[in-house]
């Protein structure tokens, strides 16, 4: 019997920049932390990362952030990310999906 290869796929339904009215968790954390010791970031990028670590990876009230509504494995979820951290993930190809 041949097994089918099932690939998960994320479909972005909408994307917007929002101003935080409450604190949110930055969902880029795992991607940045997995790459932090690879030496790929510049000094100024490490400073931005340090700021996020100091805030416990929280998007602060009043900060602009990226919000995506996505469809993943037949379920909906919202992805929220600090814009500087999202830009780092895009720049270095850190997103695995």
N, C-alpha and C. Protein backbone atom coordinates (compact mmCIF):
# COMPACT_ATOMS: atom_id res chain seq x y z
N UNK A 1 0.84 -1.18 0.00
CA UNK A 1 0.00 0.00 0.00
C UNK A 1 0.88 1.25 0.00
N UNK A 2 0.61 2.13 -0.87
CA UNK A 2 1.38 3.35 -0.99
C UNK A 2 0.78 4.42 -0.08
N UNK A 3 1.64 5.04 0.72
CA UNK A 3 1.14 6.10 1.60
C UNK A 3 1.18 7.42 0.87
N UNK A 4 0.16 8.21 1.08
CA UNK A 4 0.11 9.53 0.47
C UNK A 4 0.91 10.50 1.31
N UNK A 5 1.62 11.34 0.63
CA UNK A 5 2.36 12.38 1.32
C UNK A 5 1.44 13.57 1.52
N UNK A 6 1.20 13.91 2.78
CA UNK A 6 0.29 15.00 3.09
C UNK A 6 1.12 16.21 3.49
N UNK A 7 1.01 17.26 2.73
CA UNK A 7 1.73 18.48 3.04
C UNK A 7 0.76 19.50 3.60
N UNK A 8 1.14 20.07 4.73
CA UNK A 8 0.31 21.12 5.29
C UNK A 8 0.61 22.41 4.55
N UNK A 9 -0.40 23.22 4.42
CA UNK A 9 -0.25 24.45 3.69
C UNK A 9 -1.00 25.55 4.42
N UNK A 10 -0.35 26.68 4.56
CA UNK A 10 -0.98 27.83 5.18
C UNK A 10 -1.48 28.75 4.07
N UNK A 11 -2.74 29.12 4.17
CA UNK A 11 -3.33 30.05 3.22
C UNK A 11 -3.64 31.34 3.99
N UNK A 12 -3.04 32.43 3.56
CA UNK A 12 -3.30 33.72 4.19
C UNK A 12 -4.58 34.30 3.62
N UNK A 13 -5.56 34.50 4.49
CA UNK A 13 -6.86 35.02 4.07
C UNK A 13 -6.86 36.55 4.06
N UNK A 14 -6.19 37.15 5.05
CA UNK A 14 -6.09 38.60 5.11
C UNK A 14 -4.84 38.98 5.91
N UNK A 15 -4.35 40.18 5.62
CA UNK A 15 -3.16 40.68 6.31
C UNK A 15 -3.33 42.17 6.50
N UNK A 16 -3.03 42.65 7.71
CA UNK A 16 -3.16 44.07 7.99
C UNK A 16 -2.17 44.49 9.06
N UNK A 17 -1.94 45.79 9.13
CA UNK A 17 -1.13 46.37 10.19
C UNK A 17 -2.09 47.00 11.18
N UNK A 18 -1.94 46.62 12.43
CA UNK A 18 -2.84 47.09 13.48
C UNK A 18 -2.03 47.84 14.55
N UNK A 19 -2.71 48.64 15.32
CA UNK A 19 -2.12 49.28 16.49
C UNK A 19 -2.66 48.54 17.71
N UNK A 20 -1.76 48.02 18.55
CA UNK A 20 -2.17 47.17 19.67
C UNK A 20 -2.96 47.96 20.71
N UNK A 21 -4.14 47.44 21.03
CA UNK A 21 -4.94 48.02 22.11
C UNK A 21 -4.72 47.26 23.41
N UNK A 22 -4.10 46.10 23.31
CA UNK A 22 -3.70 45.31 24.47
C UNK A 22 -2.41 44.58 24.11
N UNK A 23 -1.76 43.97 25.08
CA UNK A 23 -0.54 43.22 24.79
C UNK A 23 -0.88 41.95 24.03
N UNK A 24 0.00 41.58 23.11
CA UNK A 24 -0.13 40.34 22.35
C UNK A 24 1.21 39.62 22.38
N UNK A 25 1.18 38.31 22.28
CA UNK A 25 2.41 37.55 22.13
C UNK A 25 2.91 37.67 20.70
N UNK A 26 4.19 37.91 20.55
CA UNK A 26 4.80 37.95 19.21
C UNK A 26 5.07 36.51 18.78
N UNK A 27 4.46 36.10 17.69
CA UNK A 27 4.54 34.72 17.25
C UNK A 27 5.80 34.40 16.43
N UNK A 28 6.71 35.37 16.31
CA UNK A 28 7.98 35.10 15.64
C UNK A 28 9.01 34.51 16.60
N UNK A 29 8.66 34.44 17.86
CA UNK A 29 9.62 34.04 18.90
C UNK A 29 10.37 32.75 18.56
N UNK A 30 9.64 31.69 18.25
CA UNK A 30 10.30 30.40 18.00
C UNK A 30 11.24 30.46 16.80
N UNK A 31 10.87 31.22 15.79
CA UNK A 31 11.70 31.31 14.59
C UNK A 31 13.00 32.07 14.88
N UNK A 32 12.90 33.16 15.64
CA UNK A 32 14.08 33.95 15.99
C UNK A 32 14.96 33.16 16.95
N UNK A 33 14.36 32.56 17.98
CA UNK A 33 15.14 31.81 18.97
C UNK A 33 15.88 30.62 18.35
N UNK A 34 15.28 29.99 17.36
CA UNK A 34 15.94 28.87 16.68
C UNK A 34 17.17 29.32 15.90
N UNK A 35 17.23 30.60 15.55
CA UNK A 35 18.31 31.10 14.69
C UNK A 35 19.25 32.07 15.39
N UNK A 36 19.01 32.37 16.64
CA UNK A 36 19.72 33.45 17.33
C UNK A 36 21.22 33.19 17.46
N UNK A 37 21.64 31.96 17.56
CA UNK A 37 23.06 31.65 17.75
C UNK A 37 23.79 31.30 16.45
N UNK A 38 23.15 31.52 15.32
CA UNK A 38 23.78 31.19 14.04
C UNK A 38 24.69 32.30 13.52
N UNK A 39 24.67 33.47 14.17
CA UNK A 39 25.52 34.57 13.74
C UNK A 39 25.07 35.25 12.46
N UNK A 40 23.80 35.16 12.15
CA UNK A 40 23.31 35.74 10.89
C UNK A 40 22.84 37.17 11.05
N UNK A 41 22.56 37.59 12.29
CA UNK A 41 22.00 38.92 12.52
C UNK A 41 23.10 39.95 12.69
N UNK A 42 22.79 41.19 12.32
CA UNK A 42 23.71 42.30 12.54
C UNK A 42 23.58 42.77 13.99
N UNK A 43 24.50 43.63 14.40
CA UNK A 43 24.47 44.15 15.76
C UNK A 43 23.15 44.89 16.03
N UNK A 44 22.72 45.72 15.10
CA UNK A 44 21.47 46.47 15.31
C UNK A 44 20.26 45.53 15.35
N UNK A 45 20.32 44.43 14.60
CA UNK A 45 19.23 43.45 14.65
C UNK A 45 19.21 42.73 16.00
N UNK A 46 20.41 42.41 16.53
CA UNK A 46 20.47 41.81 17.86
C UNK A 46 19.89 42.74 18.92
N UNK A 47 20.07 44.04 18.74
CA UNK A 47 19.51 45.02 19.69
C UNK A 47 17.98 44.97 19.64
N UNK A 48 17.41 44.85 18.45
CA UNK A 48 15.95 44.74 18.33
C UNK A 48 15.46 43.45 18.99
N UNK A 49 16.21 42.37 18.79
CA UNK A 49 15.85 41.08 19.40
C UNK A 49 15.93 41.19 20.92
N UNK A 50 16.99 41.84 21.42
CA UNK A 50 17.14 42.01 22.87
C UNK A 50 15.97 42.78 23.47
N UNK A 51 15.49 43.77 22.74
CA UNK A 51 14.32 44.55 23.20
C UNK A 51 13.10 43.65 23.32
N UNK A 52 12.91 42.75 22.35
CA UNK A 52 11.77 41.83 22.41
C UNK A 52 11.93 40.83 23.56
N UNK A 53 13.15 40.35 23.78
CA UNK A 53 13.39 39.42 24.88
C UNK A 53 13.08 40.12 26.21
N UNK A 54 13.52 41.37 26.33
CA UNK A 54 13.27 42.14 27.55
C UNK A 54 11.77 42.31 27.81
N UNK A 55 10.98 42.44 26.75
CA UNK A 55 9.53 42.59 26.90
C UNK A 55 8.82 41.23 26.99
N UNK A 56 9.61 40.16 27.10
CA UNK A 56 9.08 38.79 27.15
C UNK A 56 8.28 38.46 25.89
N UNK A 57 8.78 38.95 24.74
CA UNK A 57 8.19 38.69 23.42
C UNK A 57 6.75 39.18 23.34
N UNK A 58 6.47 40.30 23.98
CA UNK A 58 5.13 40.89 23.94
C UNK A 58 5.11 42.09 23.00
N UNK A 59 4.05 42.19 22.24
CA UNK A 59 3.78 43.39 21.45
C UNK A 59 3.09 44.34 22.42
N UNK A 60 3.68 45.51 22.61
CA UNK A 60 3.21 46.44 23.62
C UNK A 60 2.01 47.26 23.14
N UNK A 61 1.22 47.74 24.09
CA UNK A 61 0.08 48.60 23.79
C UNK A 61 0.59 49.83 23.03
N UNK A 62 -0.06 50.14 21.93
CA UNK A 62 0.31 51.29 21.10
C UNK A 62 1.29 50.96 19.98
N UNK A 63 1.92 49.79 20.05
CA UNK A 63 2.88 49.38 19.02
C UNK A 63 2.13 48.85 17.80
N UNK A 64 2.62 49.17 16.62
CA UNK A 64 2.04 48.61 15.40
C UNK A 64 2.56 47.19 15.22
N UNK A 65 1.68 46.31 14.75
CA UNK A 65 2.05 44.92 14.55
C UNK A 65 1.34 44.36 13.32
N UNK A 66 1.86 43.27 12.81
CA UNK A 66 1.28 42.58 11.67
C UNK A 66 0.26 41.56 12.18
N UNK A 67 -0.90 41.54 11.56
CA UNK A 67 -1.91 40.54 11.89
C UNK A 67 -2.33 39.86 10.60
N UNK A 68 -2.26 38.53 10.61
CA UNK A 68 -2.71 37.73 9.49
C UNK A 68 -3.79 36.78 9.97
N UNK A 69 -4.82 36.63 9.17
CA UNK A 69 -5.81 35.58 9.40
C UNK A 69 -5.50 34.49 8.40
N UNK A 70 -5.23 33.29 8.92
CA UNK A 70 -4.75 32.19 8.10
C UNK A 70 -5.62 30.96 8.24
N UNK A 71 -5.61 30.15 7.19
CA UNK A 71 -6.26 28.85 7.19
C UNK A 71 -5.15 27.81 7.18
N UNK A 72 -5.20 26.91 8.16
CA UNK A 72 -4.15 25.91 8.32
C UNK A 72 -4.78 24.61 8.77
N UNK A 73 -4.59 23.55 8.01
CA UNK A 73 -5.16 22.24 8.35
C UNK A 73 -6.65 22.33 8.71
N UNK A 74 -7.41 22.97 7.88
CA UNK A 74 -8.85 23.11 8.07
C UNK A 74 -9.25 23.91 9.30
N UNK A 75 -8.34 24.68 9.84
CA UNK A 75 -8.66 25.53 10.98
C UNK A 75 -8.19 26.96 10.74
N UNK A 76 -8.86 27.90 11.35
CA UNK A 76 -8.48 29.30 11.22
C UNK A 76 -7.62 29.70 12.42
N UNK A 77 -6.64 30.55 12.18
CA UNK A 77 -5.88 31.11 13.29
C UNK A 77 -5.36 32.48 12.91
N UNK A 78 -5.09 33.28 13.93
CA UNK A 78 -4.53 34.61 13.73
C UNK A 78 -3.05 34.58 14.09
N UNK A 79 -2.24 35.11 13.21
CA UNK A 79 -0.80 35.23 13.42
C UNK A 79 -0.52 36.70 13.71
N UNK A 80 0.12 36.96 14.85
CA UNK A 80 0.44 38.34 15.24
C UNK A 80 1.94 38.44 15.44
N UNK A 81 2.53 39.46 14.85
CA UNK A 81 3.99 39.59 14.92
C UNK A 81 4.40 41.05 14.99
N UNK A 82 5.41 41.29 15.80
CA UNK A 82 6.07 42.60 15.81
C UNK A 82 6.63 42.83 14.41
N UNK A 83 6.44 44.01 13.88
CA UNK A 83 6.88 44.28 12.51
C UNK A 83 8.39 44.13 12.34
N UNK A 84 9.22 44.66 13.27
CA UNK A 84 10.67 44.44 13.10
C UNK A 84 11.07 42.96 13.13
N UNK A 85 10.41 42.16 13.98
CA UNK A 85 10.74 40.73 14.06
C UNK A 85 10.25 39.99 12.82
N UNK A 86 9.09 40.38 12.33
CA UNK A 86 8.57 39.78 11.09
C UNK A 86 9.51 40.08 9.92
N UNK A 87 9.99 41.32 9.86
CA UNK A 87 10.92 41.70 8.79
C UNK A 87 12.21 40.88 8.86
N UNK A 88 12.70 40.60 10.07
CA UNK A 88 13.90 39.76 10.22
C UNK A 88 13.63 38.34 9.72
N UNK A 89 12.47 37.80 10.09
CA UNK A 89 12.12 36.44 9.65
C UNK A 89 12.03 36.37 8.13
N UNK A 90 11.48 37.39 7.51
CA UNK A 90 11.38 37.42 6.05
C UNK A 90 12.76 37.60 5.41
N UNK A 91 13.56 38.50 5.95
CA UNK A 91 14.88 38.79 5.41
C UNK A 91 15.76 37.55 5.39
N UNK A 92 15.71 36.75 6.45
CA UNK A 92 16.60 35.58 6.56
C UNK A 92 15.90 34.26 6.27
N UNK A 93 14.66 34.30 5.81
CA UNK A 93 13.95 33.07 5.46
C UNK A 93 13.74 32.13 6.64
N UNK A 94 13.36 32.67 7.78
CA UNK A 94 13.24 31.87 9.00
C UNK A 94 11.91 31.14 9.13
N UNK A 95 10.89 31.60 8.43
CA UNK A 95 9.61 30.91 8.50
C UNK A 95 9.72 29.57 7.78
N UNK A 96 9.29 28.52 8.46
CA UNK A 96 9.41 27.18 7.88
C UNK A 96 8.19 26.80 7.05
N UNK A 97 7.05 27.42 7.29
CA UNK A 97 5.84 27.09 6.53
C UNK A 97 5.66 28.09 5.42
